[in-house]
Amino acid sequence: MIISFEGIDGSGKSTQAKHLMSRLSGEAHEVLYVREPGGTQISESIRELLLNPEVKMHPFTEMLLFSAARAELVREKIRPFHERGGIVICDRFFDSTVAYQGGGRKVADADWLDAFQREVVDGLIPERTYLVRVSVEEATERLAHRFKSQKAADRLEMAGAAFFHRVSKEYDRLAERDPERFRIIDGSASEAEVAEEIWEDVSQILSS
């Protein structure tokens, strides 16, 4: 089983992905948590390049680098674990590229990009994708607080409000187009409430 978490930066998706990983592990499930970009030696090297705020690159180059990192991760980590029957939790997967580089950067037609990404992931489609949705304004406030207390913004987090509005709109389009796979989660609820809503849905999937 593959479960992916999506959402704009500051939505809380990474926190919820880790909550789910801990809960599944506590229930004695075999779980692999992966984040994108990253997870393999090559993918981590690509991550450093992609998120470096001092690096300038063409949006199409950005898309190809995200795709290359994902292709490595799928073939080296995700597919072998999935084929052994484990549960894979992806903190971002191919929908991120459609939303960020397609909707946000406008590098290519979103439908073409979606089809291309399905080739990148070698046909592996999540059984469930949780779109943790918050307003761009709320996400911006959260990121500002994070940067003040922890770290500086990375290259994508510095893209600006207009960019994230386009990304959010594209995520909504993806969820509307594939309602069987996507579940839209209200990320403005408390962390515990969001975690419980996700757990209830995952429990139903596991028991079916």
N, C-alpha and C. Protein backbone atom coordinates (compact mmCIF):
# COMPACT_ATOMS: atom_id res chain seq x y z
N MET A 1 0.84 -1.19 0.00
CA MET A 1 0.00 0.00 0.00
C MET A 1 0.88 1.25 0.00
N ILE A 2 0.51 2.21 -0.83
CA ILE A 2 1.23 3.48 -0.89
C ILE A 2 0.27 4.60 -0.50
N ILE A 3 0.69 5.42 0.44
CA ILE A 3 -0.09 6.57 0.89
C ILE A 3 0.77 7.81 0.69
N SER A 4 0.22 8.81 0.02
CA SER A 4 0.97 10.04 -0.18
C SER A 4 0.30 11.21 0.52
N PHE A 5 1.12 12.17 0.92
CA PHE A 5 0.65 13.40 1.55
C PHE A 5 1.06 14.57 0.66
N GLU A 6 0.08 15.43 0.37
CA GLU A 6 0.32 16.58 -0.48
C GLU A 6 -0.22 17.84 0.18
N GLY A 7 0.25 18.98 -0.32
CA GLY A 7 -0.20 20.26 0.19
C GLY A 7 0.87 21.30 -0.01
N ILE A 8 0.48 22.57 0.06
CA ILE A 8 1.47 23.63 -0.09
C ILE A 8 2.37 23.67 1.13
N ASP A 9 3.52 24.30 0.99
CA ASP A 9 4.45 24.43 2.11
C ASP A 9 3.75 25.16 3.26
N GLY A 10 3.87 24.60 4.46
CA GLY A 10 3.21 25.19 5.62
C GLY A 10 1.85 24.59 5.92
N SER A 11 1.43 23.60 5.14
CA SER A 11 0.11 22.99 5.34
C SER A 11 0.08 22.04 6.53
N GLY A 12 1.24 21.52 6.93
CA GLY A 12 1.30 20.53 8.01
C GLY A 12 1.32 19.11 7.52
N LYS A 13 1.47 18.90 6.22
CA LYS A 13 1.43 17.55 5.66
C LYS A 13 2.56 16.67 6.18
N SER A 14 3.76 17.24 6.36
CA SER A 14 4.89 16.43 6.83
C SER A 14 4.65 15.95 8.26
N THR A 15 4.11 16.83 9.08
CA THR A 15 3.78 16.45 10.46
C THR A 15 2.79 15.31 10.46
N GLN A 16 1.77 15.38 9.61
CA GLN A 16 0.75 14.34 9.58
C GLN A 16 1.28 13.04 9.00
N ALA A 17 2.18 13.12 8.03
CA ALA A 17 2.79 11.91 7.48
C ALA A 17 3.57 11.17 8.56
N LYS A 18 4.27 11.93 9.40
CA LYS A 18 5.05 11.31 10.49
C LYS A 18 4.15 10.75 11.58
N HIS A 19 3.04 11.44 11.86
CA HIS A 19 2.07 10.91 12.82
C HIS A 19 1.56 9.55 12.35
N LEU A 20 1.20 9.48 11.08
CA LEU A 20 0.66 8.23 10.55
C LEU A 20 1.71 7.13 10.58
N MET A 21 2.95 7.47 10.23
CA MET A 21 4.02 6.48 10.27
C MET A 21 4.16 5.90 11.68
N SER A 22 4.15 6.76 12.69
CA SER A 22 4.30 6.31 14.08
C SER A 22 3.15 5.42 14.50
N ARG A 23 1.94 5.81 14.10
CA ARG A 23 0.77 5.03 14.51
C ARG A 23 0.74 3.66 13.84
N LEU A 24 1.07 3.63 12.56
CA LEU A 24 1.11 2.34 11.86
C LEU A 24 2.20 1.44 12.43
N SER A 25 3.35 2.01 12.73
CA SER A 25 4.43 1.23 13.33
C SER A 25 4.01 0.69 14.68
N GLY A 26 3.26 1.50 15.43
CA GLY A 26 2.77 1.06 16.73
C GLY A 26 1.77 -0.08 16.64
N GLU A 27 1.13 -0.20 15.46
CA GLU A 27 0.18 -1.29 15.22
C GLU A 27 0.88 -2.49 14.57
N ALA A 28 2.21 -2.48 14.58
CA ALA A 28 3.04 -3.58 14.08
C ALA A 28 3.01 -3.74 12.57
N HIS A 29 2.69 -2.65 11.86
CA HIS A 29 2.79 -2.68 10.40
C HIS A 29 4.22 -2.37 9.98
N GLU A 30 4.65 -2.94 8.87
CA GLU A 30 5.95 -2.64 8.30
C GLU A 30 5.81 -1.37 7.47
N VAL A 31 6.49 -0.31 7.87
CA VAL A 31 6.27 1.00 7.25
C VAL A 31 7.58 1.60 6.76
N LEU A 32 7.52 2.19 5.57
CA LEU A 32 8.64 2.96 5.03
C LEU A 32 8.17 4.39 4.83
N TYR A 33 8.88 5.33 5.44
CA TYR A 33 8.58 6.76 5.26
C TYR A 33 9.64 7.35 4.33
N VAL A 34 9.18 8.05 3.30
CA VAL A 34 10.11 8.71 2.39
C VAL A 34 9.64 10.15 2.17
N ARG A 35 10.60 11.04 1.99
CA ARG A 35 10.27 12.43 1.68
C ARG A 35 10.83 12.76 0.31
N GLU A 36 10.20 13.73 -0.33
CA GLU A 36 10.69 14.16 -1.64
C GLU A 36 11.06 15.64 -1.62
N PRO A 37 12.09 15.97 -2.38
CA PRO A 37 13.05 15.05 -3.00
C PRO A 37 14.00 14.50 -1.95
N GLY A 38 14.48 13.29 -2.18
CA GLY A 38 15.43 12.68 -1.27
C GLY A 38 15.23 11.18 -1.16
N GLY A 39 15.91 10.59 -0.20
CA GLY A 39 15.69 9.18 0.09
C GLY A 39 16.74 8.23 -0.46
N THR A 40 17.52 8.66 -1.43
CA THR A 40 18.63 7.87 -1.94
C THR A 40 19.84 8.81 -2.06
N GLN A 41 21.00 8.25 -2.30
CA GLN A 41 22.20 9.09 -2.40
C GLN A 41 22.06 10.12 -3.52
N ILE A 42 21.60 9.67 -4.68
CA ILE A 42 21.42 10.59 -5.80
C ILE A 42 20.32 11.60 -5.51
N SER A 43 19.21 11.12 -4.98
CA SER A 43 18.07 12.00 -4.71
C SER A 43 18.39 13.06 -3.68
N GLU A 44 19.19 12.72 -2.67
CA GLU A 44 19.57 13.70 -1.65
C GLU A 44 20.49 14.76 -2.24
N SER A 45 21.35 14.36 -3.16
CA SER A 45 22.22 15.33 -3.82
C SER A 45 21.39 16.30 -4.67
N ILE A 46 20.38 15.75 -5.35
CA ILE A 46 19.49 16.59 -6.13
C ILE A 46 18.69 17.52 -5.22
N ARG A 47 18.29 17.04 -4.05
CA ARG A 47 17.55 17.86 -3.09
C ARG A 47 18.34 19.11 -2.70
N GLU A 48 19.62 18.92 -2.40
CA GLU A 48 20.46 20.05 -2.01
C GLU A 48 20.48 21.11 -3.10
N LEU A 49 20.54 20.68 -4.33
CA LEU A 49 20.58 21.61 -5.46
C LEU A 49 19.24 22.32 -5.63
N LEU A 50 18.15 21.55 -5.57
CA LEU A 50 16.82 22.11 -5.81
C LEU A 50 16.40 23.13 -4.75
N LEU A 51 16.77 22.89 -3.50
CA LEU A 51 16.29 23.75 -2.42
C LEU A 51 17.26 24.87 -2.05
N ASN A 52 18.41 24.88 -2.67
CA ASN A 52 19.40 25.92 -2.38
C ASN A 52 18.90 27.28 -2.87
N PRO A 53 18.66 28.25 -1.97
CA PRO A 53 18.12 29.54 -2.39
C PRO A 53 19.06 30.35 -3.26
N GLU A 54 20.33 29.97 -3.31
CA GLU A 54 21.29 30.71 -4.13
C GLU A 54 21.40 30.18 -5.55
N VAL A 55 20.73 29.05 -5.81
CA VAL A 55 20.79 28.44 -7.14
C VAL A 55 19.66 28.97 -8.02
N LYS A 56 19.99 29.38 -9.23
CA LYS A 56 19.01 29.80 -10.22
C LYS A 56 18.92 28.72 -11.29
N MET A 57 17.70 28.36 -11.69
CA MET A 57 17.56 27.37 -12.75
C MET A 57 16.25 27.59 -13.49
N HIS A 58 16.21 27.12 -14.71
CA HIS A 58 14.99 27.21 -15.52
C HIS A 58 13.92 26.30 -14.91
N PRO A 59 12.65 26.72 -14.92
CA PRO A 59 11.58 25.88 -14.35
C PRO A 59 11.52 24.48 -14.94
N PHE A 60 11.80 24.34 -16.25
CA PHE A 60 11.76 23.00 -16.84
C PHE A 60 12.89 22.14 -16.30
N THR A 61 14.04 22.74 -16.08
CA THR A 61 15.15 22.02 -15.45
C THR A 61 14.75 21.56 -14.05
N GLU A 62 14.09 22.45 -13.31
CA GLU A 62 13.61 22.11 -11.98
C GLU A 62 12.70 20.89 -12.02
N MET A 63 11.77 20.88 -12.96
CA MET A 63 10.85 19.76 -13.09
C MET A 63 11.59 18.46 -13.37
N LEU A 64 12.57 18.52 -14.27
CA LEU A 64 13.32 17.32 -14.62
C LEU A 64 14.14 16.81 -13.44
N LEU A 65 14.70 17.71 -12.64
CA LEU A 65 15.47 17.28 -11.48
C LEU A 65 14.58 16.63 -10.42
N PHE A 66 13.41 17.22 -10.16
CA PHE A 66 12.47 16.57 -9.24
C PHE A 66 12.11 15.17 -9.75
N SER A 67 11.89 15.07 -11.04
CA SER A 67 11.50 13.80 -11.64
C SER A 67 12.62 12.77 -11.54
N ALA A 68 13.86 13.21 -11.75
CA ALA A 68 15.00 12.30 -11.65
C ALA A 68 15.15 11.77 -10.22
N ALA A 69 15.01 12.66 -9.24
CA ALA A 69 15.09 12.24 -7.85
C ALA A 69 14.00 11.23 -7.52
N ARG A 70 12.81 11.48 -8.06
CA ARG A 70 11.67 10.58 -7.81
C ARG A 70 11.88 9.22 -8.46
N ALA A 71 12.39 9.22 -9.67
CA ALA A 71 12.63 7.96 -10.37
C ALA A 71 13.60 7.08 -9.61
N GLU A 72 14.66 7.68 -9.07
CA GLU A 72 15.62 6.92 -8.27
C GLU A 72 14.96 6.37 -7.01
N LEU A 73 14.19 7.20 -6.34
CA LEU A 73 13.55 6.78 -5.09
C LEU A 73 12.58 5.63 -5.32
N VAL A 74 11.81 5.71 -6.39
CA VAL A 74 10.84 4.66 -6.69
C VAL A 74 11.54 3.34 -6.94
N ARG A 75 12.56 3.35 -7.75
CA ARG A 75 13.20 2.10 -8.15
C ARG A 75 14.12 1.53 -7.08
N GLU A 76 14.70 2.38 -6.28
CA GLU A 76 15.63 1.89 -5.26
C GLU A 76 14.94 1.56 -3.94
N LYS A 77 13.92 2.32 -3.57
CA LYS A 77 13.31 2.15 -2.25
C LYS A 77 11.82 1.77 -2.29
N ILE A 78 11.02 2.57 -2.98
CA ILE A 78 9.56 2.40 -2.87
C ILE A 78 9.07 1.10 -3.48
N ARG A 79 9.44 0.81 -4.73
CA ARG A 79 8.92 -0.40 -5.36
C ARG A 79 9.35 -1.67 -4.63
N PRO A 80 10.61 -1.85 -4.27
CA PRO A 80 10.98 -3.08 -3.55
C PRO A 80 10.21 -3.25 -2.24
N PHE A 81 10.04 -2.17 -1.49
CA PHE A 81 9.32 -2.26 -0.22
C PHE A 81 7.84 -2.56 -0.46
N HIS A 82 7.27 -1.91 -1.45
CA HIS A 82 5.86 -2.13 -1.78
C HIS A 82 5.62 -3.56 -2.22
N GLU A 83 6.54 -4.11 -3.00
CA GLU A 83 6.36 -5.48 -3.48
C GLU A 83 6.50 -6.51 -2.37
N ARG A 84 7.18 -6.15 -1.27
CA ARG A 84 7.26 -7.05 -0.10
C ARG A 84 6.01 -6.95 0.77
N GLY A 85 5.08 -6.08 0.41
CA GLY A 85 3.83 -5.97 1.17
C GLY A 85 3.83 -4.91 2.24
N GLY A 86 4.86 -4.07 2.29
CA GLY A 86 4.92 -3.02 3.29
C GLY A 86 4.07 -1.81 2.91
N ILE A 87 3.87 -0.94 3.88
CA ILE A 87 3.13 0.30 3.66
C ILE A 87 4.14 1.43 3.46
N VAL A 88 4.02 2.13 2.34
CA VAL A 88 4.92 3.24 2.03
C VAL A 88 4.17 4.55 2.26
N ILE A 89 4.76 5.42 3.06
CA ILE A 89 4.20 6.76 3.29
C ILE A 89 5.10 7.77 2.60
N CYS A 90 4.55 8.48 1.63
CA CYS A 90 5.32 9.44 0.84
C CYS A 90 4.97 10.86 1.26
N ASP A 91 5.96 11.57 1.77
CA ASP A 91 5.80 12.99 2.05
C ASP A 91 6.11 13.71 0.74
N ARG A 92 5.09 13.86 -0.06
CA ARG A 92 5.07 14.31 -1.46
C ARG A 92 5.35 13.13 -2.40
N PHE A 93 4.67 13.20 -3.55
CA PHE A 93 4.91 12.22 -4.60
C PHE A 93 4.67 12.95 -5.92
N PHE A 94 4.25 12.26 -6.96
CA PHE A 94 4.24 12.90 -8.28
C PHE A 94 3.23 14.03 -8.41
N ASP A 95 2.18 14.04 -7.59
CA ASP A 95 1.21 15.14 -7.66
C ASP A 95 1.88 16.48 -7.34
N SER A 96 2.93 16.46 -6.53
CA SER A 96 3.63 17.69 -6.20
C SER A 96 4.21 18.36 -7.43
N THR A 97 4.76 17.56 -8.32
CA THR A 97 5.34 18.14 -9.54
C THR A 97 4.26 18.71 -10.44
N VAL A 98 3.13 18.01 -10.54
CA VAL A 98 2.02 18.54 -11.35
C VAL A 98 1.53 19.86 -10.77
N ALA A 99 1.44 19.94 -9.44
CA ALA A 99 0.93 21.15 -8.79
C ALA A 99 1.96 22.28 -8.78
N TYR A 100 3.21 21.96 -8.39
CA TYR A 100 4.23 22.99 -8.25
C TYR A 100 4.83 23.43 -9.58
N GLN A 101 5.32 22.46 -10.35
CA GLN A 101 5.96 22.85 -11.61
C GLN A 101 4.94 23.06 -12.73
N GLY A 102 3.82 22.33 -12.67
CA GLY A 102 2.76 22.53 -13.65
C GLY A 102 1.91 23.74 -13.34
N GLY A 103 1.24 23.72 -12.18
CA GLY A 103 0.38 24.83 -11.80
C GLY A 103 1.15 26.06 -11.41
N GLY A 104 2.17 25.88 -10.55
CA GLY A 104 2.92 27.02 -10.03
C GLY A 104 3.87 27.64 -11.04
N ARG A 105 4.74 26.82 -11.63
CA ARG A 105 5.74 27.34 -12.58
C ARG A 105 5.20 27.43 -14.01
N LYS A 106 4.13 26.69 -14.30
CA LYS A 106 3.53 26.67 -15.64
C LYS A 106 4.53 26.18 -16.69
N VAL A 107 5.28 25.14 -16.35
CA VAL A 107 6.31 24.67 -17.28
C VAL A 107 5.74 23.87 -18.44
N ALA A 108 4.54 23.30 -18.26
CA ALA A 108 3.95 22.46 -19.30
C ALA A 108 2.48 22.27 -18.99
N ASP A 109 1.76 21.78 -19.98
CA ASP A 109 0.35 21.45 -19.77
C ASP A 109 0.23 20.44 -18.63
N ALA A 110 -0.70 20.69 -17.71
CA ALA A 110 -0.81 19.86 -16.51
C ALA A 110 -1.12 18.41 -16.85
N ASP A 111 -1.96 18.17 -17.85
CA ASP A 111 -2.30 16.79 -18.20
C ASP A 111 -1.09 16.06 -18.78
N TRP A 112 -0.30 16.77 -19.62
CA TRP A 112 0.92 16.15 -20.14
C TRP A 112 1.87 15.83 -19.00
N LEU A 113 2.00 16.77 -18.07
CA LEU A 113 2.92 16.59 -16.96
C LEU A 113 2.48 15.44 -16.07
N ASP A 114 1.18 15.31 -15.86
CA ASP A 114 0.65 14.21 -15.06
C ASP A 114 0.98 12.87 -15.72
N ALA A 115 0.77 12.79 -17.04
CA ALA A 115 1.08 11.55 -17.76
C ALA A 115 2.57 11.23 -17.70
N PHE A 116 3.40 12.25 -17.84
CA PHE A 116 4.85 12.07 -17.76
C PHE A 116 5.26 11.56 -16.38
N GLN A 117 4.67 12.12 -15.33
CA GLN A 117 5.02 11.70 -13.98
C GLN A 117 4.63 10.25 -13.71
N ARG A 118 3.56 9.79 -14.31
CA ARG A 118 3.17 8.39 -14.12
C ARG A 118 4.19 7.44 -14.76
N GLU A 119 4.87 7.92 -15.80
CA GLU A 119 5.99 7.15 -16.34
C GLU A 119 7.18 7.21 -15.40
N VAL A 120 7.42 8.37 -14.82
CA VAL A 120 8.54 8.55 -13.88
C VAL A 120 8.42 7.58 -12.71
N VAL A 121 7.20 7.39 -12.19
CA VAL A 121 7.01 6.53 -11.01
C VAL A 121 6.77 5.08 -11.40
N ASP A 122 6.98 4.77 -12.69
CA ASP A 122 6.91 3.37 -13.14
C ASP A 122 5.54 2.75 -12.84
N GLY A 123 4.49 3.58 -12.97
CA GLY A 123 3.13 3.08 -12.81
C GLY A 123 2.65 2.92 -11.38
N LEU A 124 3.46 3.32 -10.40
CA LEU A 124 3.05 3.19 -8.99
C LEU A 124 2.16 4.38 -8.61
N ILE A 125 0.90 4.10 -8.33
CA ILE A 125 -0.06 5.14 -7.97
C ILE A 125 -0.50 4.90 -6.52
N PRO A 126 -0.48 5.92 -5.68
CA PRO A 126 -0.93 5.73 -4.29
C PRO A 126 -2.38 5.25 -4.22
N GLU A 127 -2.64 4.37 -3.24
CA GLU A 127 -4.03 3.99 -2.99
C GLU A 127 -4.81 5.15 -2.37
N ARG A 128 -4.11 5.97 -1.61
CA ARG A 128 -4.74 7.14 -1.00
C ARG A 128 -3.78 8.31 -1.01
N THR A 129 -4.29 9.48 -1.33
CA THR A 129 -3.52 10.72 -1.26
C THR A 129 -4.28 11.70 -0.39
N TYR A 130 -3.62 12.15 0.68
CA TYR A 130 -4.23 13.13 1.58
C TYR A 130 -3.73 14.52 1.18
N LEU A 131 -4.66 15.34 0.73
CA LEU A 131 -4.35 16.73 0.41
C LEU A 131 -4.69 17.57 1.64
N VAL A 132 -3.66 17.94 2.39
CA VAL A 132 -3.85 18.74 3.60
C VAL A 132 -3.96 20.19 3.15
N ARG A 133 -5.15 20.73 3.25
CA ARG A 133 -5.44 22.03 2.64
C ARG A 133 -5.53 23.14 3.69
N VAL A 134 -4.76 24.18 3.49
CA VAL A 134 -4.87 25.41 4.26
C VAL A 134 -4.81 26.57 3.29
N SER A 135 -5.26 27.74 3.73
CA SER A 135 -5.17 28.91 2.87
C SER A 135 -3.71 29.32 2.71
N VAL A 136 -3.42 30.01 1.62
CA VAL A 136 -2.06 30.50 1.41
C VAL A 136 -1.67 31.44 2.53
N GLU A 137 -2.63 32.23 3.02
CA GLU A 137 -2.34 33.18 4.09
C GLU A 137 -1.94 32.46 5.38
N GLU A 138 -2.67 31.41 5.73
CA GLU A 138 -2.33 30.66 6.94
C GLU A 138 -0.99 29.96 6.79
N ALA A 139 -0.75 29.38 5.62
CA ALA A 139 0.52 28.71 5.38
C ALA A 139 1.68 29.71 5.48
N THR A 140 1.48 30.91 4.97
CA THR A 140 2.52 31.93 5.03
C THR A 140 2.84 32.31 6.46
N GLU A 141 1.82 32.43 7.29
CA GLU A 141 2.03 32.74 8.71
C GLU A 141 2.82 31.63 9.40
N ARG A 142 2.47 30.40 9.11
CA ARG A 142 3.17 29.27 9.72
C ARG A 142 4.64 29.26 9.30
N LEU A 143 4.88 29.49 8.02
CA LEU A 143 6.26 29.48 7.53
C LEU A 143 7.07 30.61 8.14
N ALA A 144 6.45 31.78 8.30
CA ALA A 144 7.15 32.91 8.90
C ALA A 144 7.57 32.58 10.33
N HIS A 145 6.69 31.91 11.06
CA HIS A 145 7.01 31.51 12.43
C HIS A 145 8.14 30.48 12.44
N ARG A 146 8.09 29.54 11.49
CA ARG A 146 9.12 28.50 11.41
C ARG A 146 10.49 29.11 11.11
N PHE A 147 10.52 30.04 10.17
CA PHE A 147 11.79 30.63 9.78
C PHE A 147 12.38 31.47 10.92
N LYS A 148 11.50 32.08 11.70
CA LYS A 148 11.96 32.91 12.81
C LYS A 148 12.61 32.05 13.90
N SER A 149 12.06 30.85 14.11
CA SER A 149 12.54 30.01 15.20
C SER A 149 13.50 28.91 14.78
N GLN A 150 13.51 28.55 13.48
CA GLN A 150 14.30 27.38 13.09
C GLN A 150 15.29 27.64 11.95
N LYS A 151 14.78 28.01 10.78
CA LYS A 151 15.66 28.03 9.62
C LYS A 151 15.20 29.06 8.60
N ALA A 152 16.07 29.34 7.66
CA ALA A 152 15.73 30.25 6.57
C ALA A 152 14.91 29.50 5.52
N ALA A 153 14.19 30.26 4.70
CA ALA A 153 13.37 29.66 3.65
C ALA A 153 14.24 29.01 2.58
N ASP A 154 13.75 27.89 2.01
CA ASP A 154 14.46 27.30 0.89
C ASP A 154 13.98 27.95 -0.41
N ARG A 155 14.51 27.50 -1.53
CA ARG A 155 14.26 28.17 -2.80
C ARG A 155 12.79 28.17 -3.19
N LEU A 156 12.09 27.06 -2.94
CA LEU A 156 10.68 26.99 -3.30
C LEU A 156 9.80 27.76 -2.32
N GLU A 157 10.17 27.72 -1.06
CA GLU A 157 9.37 28.43 -0.06
C GLU A 157 9.40 29.94 -0.26
N MET A 158 10.39 30.43 -1.02
CA MET A 158 10.54 31.86 -1.29
C MET A 158 9.78 32.30 -2.55
N ALA A 159 8.97 31.41 -3.12
CA ALA A 159 8.37 31.69 -4.43
C ALA A 159 7.29 32.76 -4.41
N GLY A 160 6.67 33.03 -3.26
CA GLY A 160 5.70 34.10 -3.18
C GLY A 160 4.26 33.64 -3.20
N ALA A 161 3.36 34.53 -2.76
CA ALA A 161 1.95 34.18 -2.58
C ALA A 161 1.26 33.82 -3.89
N ALA A 162 1.52 34.57 -4.97
CA ALA A 162 0.86 34.28 -6.24
C ALA A 162 1.19 32.87 -6.72
N PHE A 163 2.45 32.48 -6.56
CA PHE A 163 2.88 31.13 -6.92
C PHE A 163 2.09 30.09 -6.13
N PHE A 164 1.97 30.28 -4.83
CA PHE A 164 1.30 29.27 -4.00
C PHE A 164 -0.21 29.25 -4.23
N HIS A 165 -0.79 30.37 -4.63
CA HIS A 165 -2.20 30.35 -5.02
C HIS A 165 -2.40 29.48 -6.25
N ARG A 166 -1.50 29.57 -7.20
CA ARG A 166 -1.60 28.72 -8.40
C ARG A 166 -1.40 27.25 -8.05
N VAL A 167 -0.45 26.97 -7.16
CA VAL A 167 -0.21 25.58 -6.73
C VAL A 167 -1.45 25.02 -6.04
N SER A 168 -2.03 25.80 -5.14
CA SER A 168 -3.22 25.36 -4.41
C SER A 168 -4.38 25.09 -5.36
N LYS A 169 -4.55 25.95 -6.34
CA LYS A 169 -5.62 25.77 -7.33
C LYS A 169 -5.42 24.48 -8.12
N GLU A 170 -4.17 24.18 -8.48
CA GLU A 170 -3.89 22.96 -9.23
C GLU A 170 -4.13 21.72 -8.37
N TYR A 171 -3.76 21.79 -7.09
CA TYR A 171 -4.06 20.67 -6.19
C TYR A 171 -5.56 20.41 -6.15
N ASP A 172 -6.35 21.47 -6.06
CA ASP A 172 -7.80 21.30 -6.03
C ASP A 172 -8.31 20.65 -7.30
N ARG A 173 -7.71 21.02 -8.43
CA ARG A 173 -8.12 20.42 -9.71
C ARG A 173 -7.78 18.93 -9.74
N LEU A 174 -6.61 18.57 -9.23
CA LEU A 174 -6.22 17.16 -9.18
C LEU A 174 -7.16 16.35 -8.30
N ALA A 175 -7.51 16.91 -7.15
CA ALA A 175 -8.40 16.21 -6.23
C ALA A 175 -9.79 16.04 -6.82
N GLU A 176 -10.26 17.06 -7.53
CA GLU A 176 -11.58 16.98 -8.15
C GLU A 176 -11.60 15.94 -9.27
N ARG A 177 -10.49 15.83 -9.97
CA ARG A 177 -10.41 14.88 -11.09
C ARG A 177 -10.29 13.43 -10.63
N ASP A 178 -9.76 13.21 -9.44
CA ASP A 178 -9.54 11.84 -8.95
C ASP A 178 -10.06 11.70 -7.52
N PRO A 179 -11.39 11.81 -7.34
CA PRO A 179 -11.96 11.79 -5.98
C PRO A 179 -11.84 10.45 -5.27
N GLU A 180 -11.63 9.38 -6.01
CA GLU A 180 -11.49 8.06 -5.37
C GLU A 180 -10.16 7.95 -4.63
N ARG A 181 -9.15 8.59 -5.16
CA ARG A 181 -7.82 8.52 -4.54
C ARG A 181 -7.59 9.61 -3.51
N PHE A 182 -8.03 10.81 -3.83
CA PHE A 182 -7.77 11.96 -2.95
C PHE A 182 -8.77 12.06 -1.81
N ARG A 183 -8.26 12.48 -0.66
CA ARG A 183 -9.11 12.92 0.45
C ARG A 183 -8.61 14.32 0.85
N ILE A 184 -9.50 15.29 0.79
CA ILE A 184 -9.13 16.65 1.18
C ILE A 184 -9.30 16.78 2.70
N ILE A 185 -8.24 17.19 3.37
CA ILE A 185 -8.21 17.32 4.83
C ILE A 185 -8.10 18.80 5.19
N ASP A 186 -8.92 19.23 6.12
CA ASP A 186 -8.87 20.62 6.58
C ASP A 186 -7.66 20.81 7.49
N GLY A 187 -6.60 21.36 6.94
CA GLY A 187 -5.37 21.52 7.69
C GLY A 187 -5.42 22.62 8.72
N SER A 188 -6.51 23.40 8.76
CA SER A 188 -6.62 24.46 9.76
C SER A 188 -7.14 23.93 11.09
N ALA A 189 -7.61 22.68 11.11
CA ALA A 189 -8.03 22.05 12.37
C ALA A 189 -6.79 21.76 13.21
N SER A 190 -7.02 21.34 14.45
CA SER A 190 -5.88 21.06 15.33
C SER A 190 -5.09 19.86 14.80
N GLU A 191 -3.83 19.81 15.18
CA GLU A 191 -2.96 18.72 14.73
C GLU A 191 -3.55 17.36 15.11
N ALA A 192 -4.08 17.26 16.31
CA ALA A 192 -4.66 16.00 16.78
C ALA A 192 -5.92 15.64 16.00
N GLU A 193 -6.76 16.63 15.70
CA GLU A 193 -7.98 16.37 14.93
C GLU A 193 -7.67 15.90 13.52
N VAL A 194 -6.69 16.52 12.90
CA VAL A 194 -6.30 16.11 11.55
C VAL A 194 -5.75 14.69 11.57
N ALA A 195 -4.90 14.39 12.53
CA ALA A 195 -4.31 13.05 12.64
C ALA A 195 -5.38 11.99 12.83
N GLU A 196 -6.39 12.30 13.64
CA GLU A 196 -7.45 11.33 13.90
C GLU A 196 -8.31 11.10 12.66
N GLU A 197 -8.60 12.16 11.92
CA GLU A 197 -9.38 12.01 10.69
C GLU A 197 -8.65 11.12 9.69
N ILE A 198 -7.36 11.32 9.56
CA ILE A 198 -6.56 10.51 8.65
C ILE A 198 -6.51 9.06 9.12
N TRP A 199 -6.32 8.87 10.42
CA TRP A 199 -6.23 7.52 10.95
C TRP A 199 -7.53 6.74 10.74
N GLU A 200 -8.66 7.40 10.92
CA GLU A 200 -9.95 6.73 10.71
C GLU A 200 -10.07 6.24 9.27
N ASP A 201 -9.63 7.06 8.33
CA ASP A 201 -9.72 6.67 6.92
C ASP A 201 -8.75 5.53 6.62
N VAL A 202 -7.52 5.62 7.12
CA VAL A 202 -6.54 4.55 6.88
C VAL A 202 -7.03 3.23 7.49
N SER A 203 -7.60 3.30 8.67
CA SER A 203 -8.11 2.09 9.33
C SER A 203 -9.18 1.41 8.48
N GLN A 204 -10.03 2.21 7.86
CA GLN A 204 -11.07 1.63 6.99
C GLN A 204 -10.45 0.95 5.78
N ILE A 205 -9.43 1.57 5.22
CA ILE A 205 -8.76 0.97 4.07
C ILE A 205 -8.11 -0.36 4.45
N LEU A 206 -7.44 -0.38 5.59
CA LEU A 206 -6.74 -1.59 6.03
C LEU A 206 -7.69 -2.73 6.37
N SER A 207 -8.89 -2.38 6.82
CA SER A 207 -9.85 -3.41 7.21
C SER A 207 -10.72 -3.89 6.06
N SER A 208 -10.61 -3.22 4.91
CA SER A 208 -11.46 -3.59 3.78
C SER A 208 -10.86 -4.74 2.98
